[in-house]
């Protein structure tokens, strides 16, 4: 059981590229680019000047932070 938890932990730290992140979130790559420029999107890793990656855990945290139980809840 401990090995399985360790594997899941590693998956959360896995870096995914922009296209994979967009697919995971069901948004477009362009939406991710806009969020990086304007703010408000998930945290990202700037590997180099032209290479962006996202940690799976950061994508999950971003979704969790936006999860509400009804429409009258505020962020």
Foldseek 3Di string as FASTA:
>chain_A
DVVVVVVVVVLQQDKDFLCVLCVVVVHDSVVVVVCVVVPDAFDWDPPDPPGIIHGNNRSVVSVVVVDDDDDVDDD
